[in-house]
């Protein structure tokens, strides 16, 4: 199935960029530069890496542009020298590099990448990235990165040492609940995208959005305690949200 092939090729590229940015030994920036060079060769039909070679038919047949791919690479460059974000606007700026391009590429594969659709998709993708950050507060902190806005940490009286403290301080729970509400609001902002899509595209985006809602439900069930292990989304929440999203999309509206 060509659609599956194309989506897997895009996912493979995003995973490769993340792996180079997070796990590669040696000079990560140099390796990201190499990935960018091979990406540009892929747009000319002559990539060297096997994964980029598999991307070539997708680029050609779907008429995708380099921009979203380059932003994914840039997000991983940013990770090499930026480990804190002063405010929510700065964090959203990072999400515009690390998350939003994936949605734009999916819309490109679907032939639905209008400016209006991309704007809605950006809200959903940023929300998914923010929810993942909230699930991984301790893991990210252990790697030296903090994706909670510094201004919000000061507002709630949360210090960096609190992120690894057990039991989790009440102030940190309140901060995580605040950020989770922001992520949930972004999911609702982007939800009208579903009504603008049809068929498999609508189902796929509903699944992504439902996953975000389910992740935030898991956080809420854990009382926004980032030290608790039971932060994985539950299948029943995923199915419940997915059904509700598709029902509202069928009616042409949102929550």
C-alpha atoms as a PDB file:
ATOM      1  CA  UNK A   1       0.000   0.000   0.000  1.00  0.00           C
ATOM      2  CA  UNK A   2       1.580   3.245  -1.169  1.00  0.00           C
ATOM      3  CA  UNK A   3       0.147   5.351   1.666  1.00  0.00           C
ATOM      4  CA  UNK A   4       1.617   3.050   4.304  1.00  0.00           C
ATOM      5  CA  UNK A   5       4.950   3.047   2.487  1.00  0.00           C
ATOM      6  CA  UNK A   6       5.045   6.836   2.447  1.00  0.00           C
ATOM      7  CA  UNK A   7       4.125   7.269   6.106  1.00  0.00           C
ATOM      8  CA  UNK A   8       6.690   4.683   7.189  1.00  0.00           C
ATOM      9  CA  UNK A   9       9.354   6.469   5.146  1.00  0.00           C
ATOM     10  CA  UNK A  10       8.553   9.775   6.858  1.00  0.00           C
ATOM     11  CA  UNK A  11       8.487   8.135  10.279  1.00  0.00           C
ATOM     12  CA  UNK A  12      11.807   6.466   9.554  1.00  0.00           C
ATOM     13  CA  UNK A  13      13.394   9.781   8.683  1.00  0.00           C
ATOM     14  CA  UNK A  14      12.071  11.449  11.848  1.00  0.00           C
ATOM     15  CA  UNK A  15      13.341   8.570  13.987  1.00  0.00           C
ATOM     16  CA  UNK A  16      16.762   8.692  12.334  1.00  0.00           C
ATOM     17  CA  UNK A  17      17.064  12.416  12.997  1.00  0.00           C
ATOM     18  CA  UNK A  18      16.065  11.904  16.654  1.00  0.00           C
ATOM     19  CA  UNK A  19      18.488   9.025  17.067  1.00  0.00           C
ATOM     20  CA  UNK A  20      21.366  11.104  15.722  1.00  0.00           C
ATOM     21  CA  UNK A  21      20.398  13.993  17.972  1.00  0.00           C
ATOM     22  CA  UNK A  22      19.880  11.951  21.144  1.00  0.00           C
ATOM     23  CA  UNK A  23      22.013   8.829  20.968  1.00  0.00           C
ATOM     24  CA  UNK A  24      24.745   9.085  18.342  1.00  0.00           C
ATOM     25  CA  UNK A  25      28.347   8.713  19.472  1.00  0.00           C
ATOM     26  CA  UNK A  26      30.832  11.373  18.457  1.00  0.00           C
ATOM     27  CA  UNK A  27      30.053  14.693  16.793  1.00  0.00           C
ATOM     28  CA  UNK A  28      26.271  14.774  16.568  1.00  0.00           C
ATOM     29  CA  UNK A  29      26.141  18.118  14.792  1.00  0.00           C
ATOM     30  CA  UNK A  30      28.418  16.780  12.056  1.00  0.00           C
ATOM     31  CA  UNK A  31      26.237  13.700  11.678  1.00  0.00           C
ATOM     32  CA  UNK A  32      23.114  15.851  11.454  1.00  0.00           C
ATOM     33  CA  UNK A  33      24.852  17.891   8.756  1.00  0.00           C
ATOM     34  CA  UNK A  34      25.502  14.638   6.916  1.00  0.00           C
ATOM     35  CA  UNK A  35      21.845  13.691   7.193  1.00  0.00           C
ATOM     36  CA  UNK A  36      20.838  17.053   5.775  1.00  0.00           C
ATOM     37  CA  UNK A  37      23.219  16.669   2.847  1.00  0.00           C
ATOM     38  CA  UNK A  38      21.813  13.233   2.038  1.00  0.00           C
ATOM     39  CA  UNK A  39      18.261  14.539   2.387  1.00  0.00           C
ATOM     40  CA  UNK A  40      18.977  17.160  -0.251  1.00  0.00           C
ATOM     41  CA  UNK A  41      20.439  14.420  -2.456  1.00  0.00           C
ATOM     42  CA  UNK A  42      17.214  12.458  -1.933  1.00  0.00           C
ATOM     43  CA  UNK A  43      15.265  15.351  -3.419  1.00  0.00           C
ATOM     44  CA  UNK A  44      17.491  14.942  -6.481  1.00  0.00           C
ATOM     45  CA  UNK A  45      16.844  11.189  -6.509  1.00  0.00           C
ATOM     46  CA  UNK A  46      20.361  10.114  -5.521  1.00  0.00           C
ATOM     47  CA  UNK A  47      20.472   9.588  -1.750  1.00  0.00           C
ATOM     48  CA  UNK A  48      23.225   7.390  -0.306  1.00  0.00           C
ATOM     49  CA  UNK A  49      21.706   6.040   2.925  1.00  0.00           C
ATOM     50  CA  UNK A  50      19.233   3.161   2.439  1.00  0.00           C
ATOM     51  CA  UNK A  51      16.613   4.893   4.598  1.00  0.00           C
ATOM     52  CA  UNK A  52      16.873   8.062   2.525  1.00  0.00           C
ATOM     53  CA  UNK A  53      16.748   5.995  -0.640  1.00  0.00           C
ATOM     54  CA  UNK A  54      13.407   4.576   0.514  1.00  0.00           C
ATOM     55  CA  UNK A  55      12.180   8.130   0.979  1.00  0.00           C
ATOM     56  CA  UNK A  56      12.896   9.114  -2.641  1.00  0.00           C
ATOM     57  CA  UNK A  57       9.660   7.721  -4.190  1.00  0.00           C
ATOM     58  CA  UNK A  58       7.603   9.454  -1.508  1.00  0.00           C
ATOM     59  CA  UNK A  59       9.283  12.794  -2.162  1.00  0.00           C
ATOM     60  CA  UNK A  60       8.753  12.444  -5.891  1.00  0.00           C
ATOM     61  CA  UNK A  61       5.214  11.086  -5.971  1.00  0.00           C
ATOM     62  CA  UNK A  62       3.804  13.284  -3.172  1.00  0.00           C
ATOM     63  CA  UNK A  63       5.635  16.463  -4.246  1.00  0.00           C
ATOM     64  CA  UNK A  64       6.835  17.113  -0.709  1.00  0.00           C
ATOM     65  CA  UNK A  65       9.051  20.099   0.049  1.00  0.00           C
ATOM     66  CA  UNK A  66      12.340  20.056   1.997  1.00  0.00           C
ATOM     67  CA  UNK A  67      11.153  22.546   4.632  1.00  0.00           C
ATOM     68  CA  UNK A  68       9.502  20.188   7.144  1.00  0.00           C
ATOM     69  CA  UNK A  69      12.359  17.688   6.920  1.00  0.00           C
ATOM     70  CA  UNK A  70      14.933  20.423   7.484  1.00  0.00           C
ATOM     71  CA  UNK A  71      13.052  21.670  10.542  1.00  0.00           C
ATOM     72  CA  UNK A  72      13.148  18.187  12.059  1.00  0.00           C
ATOM     73  CA  UNK A  73      16.915  18.151  11.630  1.00  0.00           C
ATOM     74  CA  UNK A  74      17.155  21.656  13.081  1.00  0.00           C
ATOM     75  CA  UNK A  75      15.221  20.566  16.186  1.00  0.00           C
ATOM     76  CA  UNK A  76      17.949  18.043  16.891  1.00  0.00           C
ATOM     77  CA  UNK A  77      20.617  20.680  16.356  1.00  0.00           C
ATOM     78  CA  UNK A  78      18.836  22.838  18.915  1.00  0.00           C
ATOM     79  CA  UNK A  79      18.895  19.934  21.377  1.00  0.00           C
ATOM     80  CA  UNK A  80      22.688  20.013  21.307  1.00  0.00           C
ATOM     81  CA  UNK A  81      22.904  23.500  22.821  1.00  0.00           C
ATOM     82  CA  UNK A  82      19.525  24.418  24.317  1.00  0.00           C
ATOM     83  CA  UNK A  83      18.366  22.569  27.432  1.00  0.00           C
ATOM     84  CA  UNK A  84      15.995  25.106  29.031  1.00  0.00           C
ATOM     85  CA  UNK A  85      13.095  27.218  27.751  1.00  0.00           C
ATOM     86  CA  UNK A  86      12.237  30.509  29.403  1.00  0.00           C
ATOM     87  CA  UNK A  87       8.518  30.606  28.652  1.00  0.00           C
ATOM     88  CA  UNK A  88       5.706  28.791  26.895  1.00  0.00           C
ATOM     89  CA  UNK A  89       6.201  30.750  23.681  1.00  0.00           C
ATOM     90  CA  UNK A  90       9.804  29.567  23.493  1.00  0.00           C
ATOM     91  CA  UNK A  91       8.735  25.981  24.111  1.00  0.00           C
ATOM     92  CA  UNK A  92       6.105  26.229  21.379  1.00  0.00           C
ATOM     93  CA  UNK A  93       8.839  27.528  19.109  1.00  0.00           C
ATOM     94  CA  UNK A  94      10.799  24.355  19.763  1.00  0.00           C
ATOM     95  CA  UNK A  95       7.699  22.241  19.063  1.00  0.00           C
ATOM     96  CA  UNK A  96       7.380  24.035  15.722  1.00  0.00           C
ATOM     97  CA  UNK A  97      10.671  22.365  14.814  1.00  0.00           C
ATOM     98  CA  UNK A  98      10.432  19.030  16.624  1.00  0.00           C
ATOM     99  CA  UNK A  99       6.765  18.080  16.228  1.00  0.00           C
ATOM    100  CA  UNK A 100       4.740  20.259  13.864  1.00  0.00           C
ATOM    101  CA  UNK A 101       6.650  19.261  10.684  1.00  0.00           C
ATOM    102  CA  UNK A 102       5.532  15.638  11.100  1.00  0.00           C
ATOM    103  CA  UNK A 103       1.896  16.648  10.866  1.00  0.00           C
ATOM    104  CA  UNK A 104       2.623  18.855   7.879  1.00  0.00           C
ATOM    105  CA  UNK A 105       4.274  15.944   6.084  1.00  0.00           C
ATOM    106  CA  UNK A 106       1.365  13.631   6.869  1.00  0.00           C
ATOM    107  CA  UNK A 107      -1.001  16.219   5.404  1.00  0.00           C
ATOM    108  CA  UNK A 108       1.268  16.433   2.373  1.00  0.00           C
ATOM    109  CA  UNK A 109       1.005  12.697   1.837  1.00  0.00           C
ATOM    110  CA  UNK A 110      -2.772  12.992   2.152  1.00  0.00           C
ATOM    111  CA  UNK A 111      -2.858  15.860  -0.335  1.00  0.00           C
ATOM    112  CA  UNK A 112      -4.457  18.049   2.342  1.00  0.00           C
ATOM    113  CA  UNK A 113      -1.616  20.410   3.274  1.00  0.00           C
ATOM    114  CA  UNK A 114      -3.511  23.687   2.966  1.00  0.00           C
ATOM    115  CA  UNK A 115      -2.388  26.567   5.203  1.00  0.00           C
ATOM    116  CA  UNK A 116      -5.562  26.235   7.259  1.00  0.00           C
ATOM    117  CA  UNK A 117      -5.078  22.508   7.785  1.00  0.00           C
ATOM    118  CA  UNK A 118      -1.414  22.941   8.658  1.00  0.00           C
ATOM    119  CA  UNK A 119      -2.268  25.526  11.323  1.00  0.00           C
ATOM    120  CA  UNK A 120      -4.740  23.122  12.945  1.00  0.00           C
ATOM    121  CA  UNK A 121      -2.297  20.242  12.657  1.00  0.00           C
ATOM    122  CA  UNK A 122       0.383  22.326  14.367  1.00  0.00           C
ATOM    123  CA  UNK A 123      -1.829  22.675  17.436  1.00  0.00           C
ATOM    124  CA  UNK A 124      -2.334  18.913  17.618  1.00  0.00           C
ATOM    125  CA  UNK A 125       1.331  18.076  17.060  1.00  0.00           C
ATOM    126  CA  UNK A 126       2.543  20.602  19.618  1.00  0.00           C
ATOM    127  CA  UNK A 127       0.037  19.232  22.113  1.00  0.00           C
ATOM    128  CA  UNK A 128       1.332  15.701  21.569  1.00  0.00           C
ATOM    129  CA  UNK A 129       4.907  16.877  22.086  1.00  0.00           C
ATOM    130  CA  UNK A 130       3.976  18.754  25.261  1.00  0.00           C
ATOM    131  CA  UNK A 131       2.146  15.717  26.651  1.00  0.00           C
ATOM    132  CA  UNK A 132       5.206  13.556  25.967  1.00  0.00           C
ATOM    133  CA  UNK A 133       7.413  16.060  27.780  1.00  0.00           C
ATOM    134  CA  UNK A 134       5.123  15.912  30.813  1.00  0.00           C
ATOM    135  CA  UNK A 135       5.292  12.121  30.846  1.00  0.00           C
ATOM    136  CA  UNK A 136       9.090  12.254  30.625  1.00  0.00           C
ATOM    137  CA  UNK A 137       9.900  15.034  33.116  1.00  0.00           C
ATOM    138  CA  UNK A 138      12.293  12.849  35.117  1.00  0.00           C
ATOM    139  CA  UNK A 139      13.843  11.106  32.136  1.00  0.00           C
ATOM    140  CA  UNK A 140      14.514  14.415  30.390  1.00  0.00           C
ATOM    141  CA  UNK A 141      15.938  15.959  33.554  1.00  0.00           C
ATOM    142  CA  UNK A 142      18.311  13.019  33.912  1.00  0.00           C
ATOM    143  CA  UNK A 143      19.601  13.816  30.406  1.00  0.00           C
ATOM    144  CA  UNK A 144      20.094  17.451  31.383  1.00  0.00           C
ATOM    145  CA  UNK A 145      17.021  18.807  29.602  1.00  0.00           C
ATOM    146  CA  UNK A 146      13.976  20.530  31.079  1.00  0.00           C
ATOM    147  CA  UNK A 147      10.905  21.144  28.954  1.00  0.00           C
ATOM    148  CA  UNK A 148       8.883  22.906  31.645  1.00  0.00           C
ATOM    149  CA  UNK A 149       8.951  26.683  30.990  1.00  0.00           C
ATOM    150  CA  UNK A 150      11.264  28.407  33.465  1.00  0.00           C
ATOM    151  CA  UNK A 151       8.780  31.242  33.973  1.00  0.00           C
ATOM    152  CA  UNK A 152       6.096  28.752  34.993  1.00  0.00           C
ATOM    153  CA  UNK A 153       8.495  26.947  37.316  1.00  0.00           C
ATOM    154  CA  UNK A 154       9.172  30.238  39.107  1.00  0.00           C
ATOM    155  CA  UNK A 155       5.463  31.039  39.220  1.00  0.00           C
ATOM    156  CA  UNK A 156       4.667  27.724  40.931  1.00  0.00           C
ATOM    157  CA  UNK A 157       7.746  27.784  43.141  1.00  0.00           C
ATOM    158  CA  UNK A 158       9.360  24.737  41.514  1.00  0.00           C
ATOM    159  CA  UNK A 159      13.141  24.366  41.417  1.00  0.00           C
ATOM    160  CA  UNK A 160      15.152  22.009  39.236  1.00  0.00           C
ATOM    161  CA  UNK A 161      15.947  19.812  42.244  1.00  0.00           C
ATOM    162  CA  UNK A 162      12.206  19.252  42.720  1.00  0.00           C
ATOM    163  CA  UNK A 163      12.024  17.402  39.393  1.00  0.00           C
ATOM    164  CA  UNK A 164      13.895  14.415  40.844  1.00  0.00           C
ATOM    165  CA  UNK A 165      12.556  14.585  44.403  1.00  0.00           C
ATOM    166  CA  UNK A 166      10.529  11.696  45.858  1.00  0.00           C
ATOM    167  CA  UNK A 167       7.771  12.063  46.827  1.00  0.00           C
ATOM    168  CA  UNK A 168       6.910  14.572  44.146  1.00  0.00           C
ATOM    169  CA  UNK A 169       6.400  18.029  45.671  1.00  0.00           C
ATOM    170  CA  UNK A 170       2.855  19.373  45.579  1.00  0.00           C
ATOM    171  CA  UNK A 171       4.036  22.463  43.710  1.00  0.00           C
ATOM    172  CA  UNK A 172       5.421  20.310  40.889  1.00  0.00           C
ATOM    173  CA  UNK A 173       2.145  18.407  40.621  1.00  0.00           C
ATOM    174  CA  UNK A 174       0.300  21.712  40.319  1.00  0.00           C
ATOM    175  CA  UNK A 175       2.706  22.875  37.628  1.00  0.00           C
ATOM    176  CA  UNK A 176       2.310  19.650  35.649  1.00  0.00           C
ATOM    177  CA  UNK A 177      -1.490  19.929  35.914  1.00  0.00           C
ATOM    178  CA  UNK A 178      -1.271  23.493  34.567  1.00  0.00           C
ATOM    179  CA  UNK A 179       0.878  22.462  31.612  1.00  0.00           C
ATOM    180  CA  UNK A 180      -1.362  19.444  30.946  1.00  0.00           C
ATOM    181  CA  UNK A 181      -4.370  21.750  30.699  1.00  0.00           C
ATOM    182  CA  UNK A 182      -2.500  23.830  28.142  1.00  0.00           C
ATOM    183  CA  UNK A 183      -1.747  20.725  26.085  1.00  0.00           C
ATOM    184  CA  UNK A 184      -5.387  19.593  26.289  1.00  0.00           C
ATOM    185  CA  UNK A 185      -6.553  23.010  25.121  1.00  0.00           C
ATOM    186  CA  UNK A 186      -4.285  22.772  22.080  1.00  0.00           C
ATOM    187  CA  UNK A 187      -5.790  19.400  21.184  1.00  0.00           C
ATOM    188  CA  UNK A 188      -9.220  21.017  21.175  1.00  0.00           C
ATOM    189  CA  UNK A 189      -7.944  23.952  19.102  1.00  0.00           C
ATOM    190  CA  UNK A 190      -6.722  21.535  16.444  1.00  0.00           C
ATOM    191  CA  UNK A 191      -9.724  19.227  16.509  1.00  0.00           C
ATOM    192  CA  UNK A 192     -11.623  20.944  13.634  1.00  0.00           C
ATOM    193  CA  UNK A 193      -8.976  19.465  11.334  1.00  0.00           C
ATOM    194  CA  UNK A 194     -10.781  16.120  11.566  1.00  0.00           C
ATOM    195  CA  UNK A 195     -13.923  17.511   9.969  1.00  0.00           C
ATOM    196  CA  UNK A 196     -11.803  18.842   7.105  1.00  0.00           C
ATOM    197  CA  UNK A 197     -10.402  15.384   6.360  1.00  0.00           C
ATOM    198  CA  UNK A 198     -12.073  12.185   5.215  1.00  0.00           C
ATOM    199  CA  UNK A 199     -11.456   8.467   5.091  1.00  0.00           C
ATOM    200  CA  UNK A 200      -8.176   7.124   6.398  1.00  0.00           C
ATOM    201  CA  UNK A 201      -6.797  10.624   7.003  1.00  0.00           C
ATOM    202  CA  UNK A 202      -9.566  11.454   9.438  1.00  0.00           C
ATOM    203  CA  UNK A 203      -9.155   8.141  11.247  1.00  0.00           C
ATOM    204  CA  UNK A 204      -5.381   8.564  11.507  1.00  0.00           C
ATOM    205  CA  UNK A 205      -5.545  12.090  12.901  1.00  0.00           C
ATOM    206  CA  UNK A 206      -8.280  11.024  15.308  1.00  0.00           C
ATOM    207  CA  UNK A 207      -5.962   8.272  16.512  1.00  0.00           C
ATOM    208  CA  UNK A 208      -3.094  10.702  17.083  1.00  0.00           C
ATOM    209  CA  UNK A 209      -5.334  13.146  18.937  1.00  0.00           C
ATOM    210  CA  UNK A 210      -6.914  10.383  20.996  1.00  0.00           C
ATOM    211  CA  UNK A 211      -3.434   9.268  22.016  1.00  0.00           C
ATOM    212  CA  UNK A 212      -2.727  12.742  23.320  1.00  0.00           C
ATOM    213  CA  UNK A 213      -5.958  12.845  25.304  1.00  0.00           C
ATOM    214  CA  UNK A 214      -5.281   9.372  26.712  1.00  0.00           C
ATOM    215  CA  UNK A 215      -1.755  10.382  27.766  1.00  0.00           C
ATOM    216  CA  UNK A 216      -3.138  13.400  29.596  1.00  0.00           C
ATOM    217  CA  UNK A 217      -5.799  11.187  31.209  1.00  0.00           C
ATOM    218  CA  UNK A 218      -3.024   8.943  32.510  1.00  0.00           C
ATOM    219  CA  UNK A 219      -1.279  11.940  34.034  1.00  0.00           C
ATOM    220  CA  UNK A 220      -4.498  13.055  35.667  1.00  0.00           C
ATOM    221  CA  UNK A 221      -5.099   9.554  37.068  1.00  0.00           C
ATOM    222  CA  UNK A 222      -1.633   9.696  38.608  1.00  0.00           C
ATOM    223  CA  UNK A 223      -2.573  13.079  40.129  1.00  0.00           C
ATOM    224  CA  UNK A 224       0.120  14.624  37.922  1.00  0.00           C
ATOM    225  CA  UNK A 225       2.790  12.862  39.955  1.00  0.00           C
ATOM    226  CA  UNK A 226       5.726  12.455  37.571  1.00  0.00           C
ATOM    227  CA  UNK A 227       7.378   9.951  39.943  1.00  0.00           C
ATOM    228  CA  UNK A 228       4.605   7.397  39.512  1.00  0.00           C
ATOM    229  CA  UNK A 229       5.162   4.595  37.038  1.00  0.00           C
ATOM    230  CA  UNK A 230       1.546   4.299  35.859  1.00  0.00           C
ATOM    231  CA  UNK A 231       1.722   7.082  33.314  1.00  0.00           C
ATOM    232  CA  UNK A 232       1.075   4.975  30.214  1.00  0.00           C
ATOM    233  CA  UNK A 233      -2.182   5.681  28.377  1.00  0.00           C
ATOM    234  CA  UNK A 234      -4.893   3.064  28.730  1.00  0.00           C
ATOM    235  CA  UNK A 235      -6.432   1.439  25.688  1.00  0.00           C
ATOM    236  CA  UNK A 236      -9.956   2.158  26.897  1.00  0.00           C
ATOM    237  CA  UNK A 237      -9.181   5.888  27.047  1.00  0.00           C
ATOM    238  CA  UNK A 238      -7.675   5.774  23.564  1.00  0.00           C
ATOM    239  CA  UNK A 239     -10.757   4.057  22.149  1.00  0.00           C
ATOM    240  CA  UNK A 240     -13.149   6.332  24.027  1.00  0.00           C
ATOM    241  CA  UNK A 241     -11.511   9.511  22.836  1.00  0.00           C
ATOM    242  CA  UNK A 242     -11.075   8.187  19.304  1.00  0.00           C
ATOM    243  CA  UNK A 243     -14.770   7.343  19.019  1.00  0.00           C
ATOM    244  CA  UNK A 244     -15.780  10.728  20.415  1.00  0.00           C
ATOM    245  CA  UNK A 245     -13.464  12.576  18.053  1.00  0.00           C
ATOM    246  CA  UNK A 246     -14.787  10.727  15.006  1.00  0.00           C
ATOM    247  CA  UNK A 247     -18.379  11.295  16.090  1.00  0.00           C
ATOM    248  CA  UNK A 248     -17.814  15.029  16.492  1.00  0.00           C
ATOM    249  CA  UNK A 249     -15.980  15.187  13.164  1.00  0.00           C
ATOM    250  CA  UNK A 250     -18.903  13.462  11.465  1.00  0.00           C
ATOM    251  CA  UNK A 251     -21.153  16.172  12.874  1.00  0.00           C
ATOM    252  CA  UNK A 252     -18.736  18.767  11.552  1.00  0.00           C
ATOM    253  CA  UNK A 253     -17.789  20.264  14.895  1.00  0.00           C
ATOM    254  CA  UNK A 254     -15.566  19.938  17.951  1.00  0.00           C
ATOM    255  CA  UNK A 255     -15.912  19.795  21.724  1.00  0.00           C
END
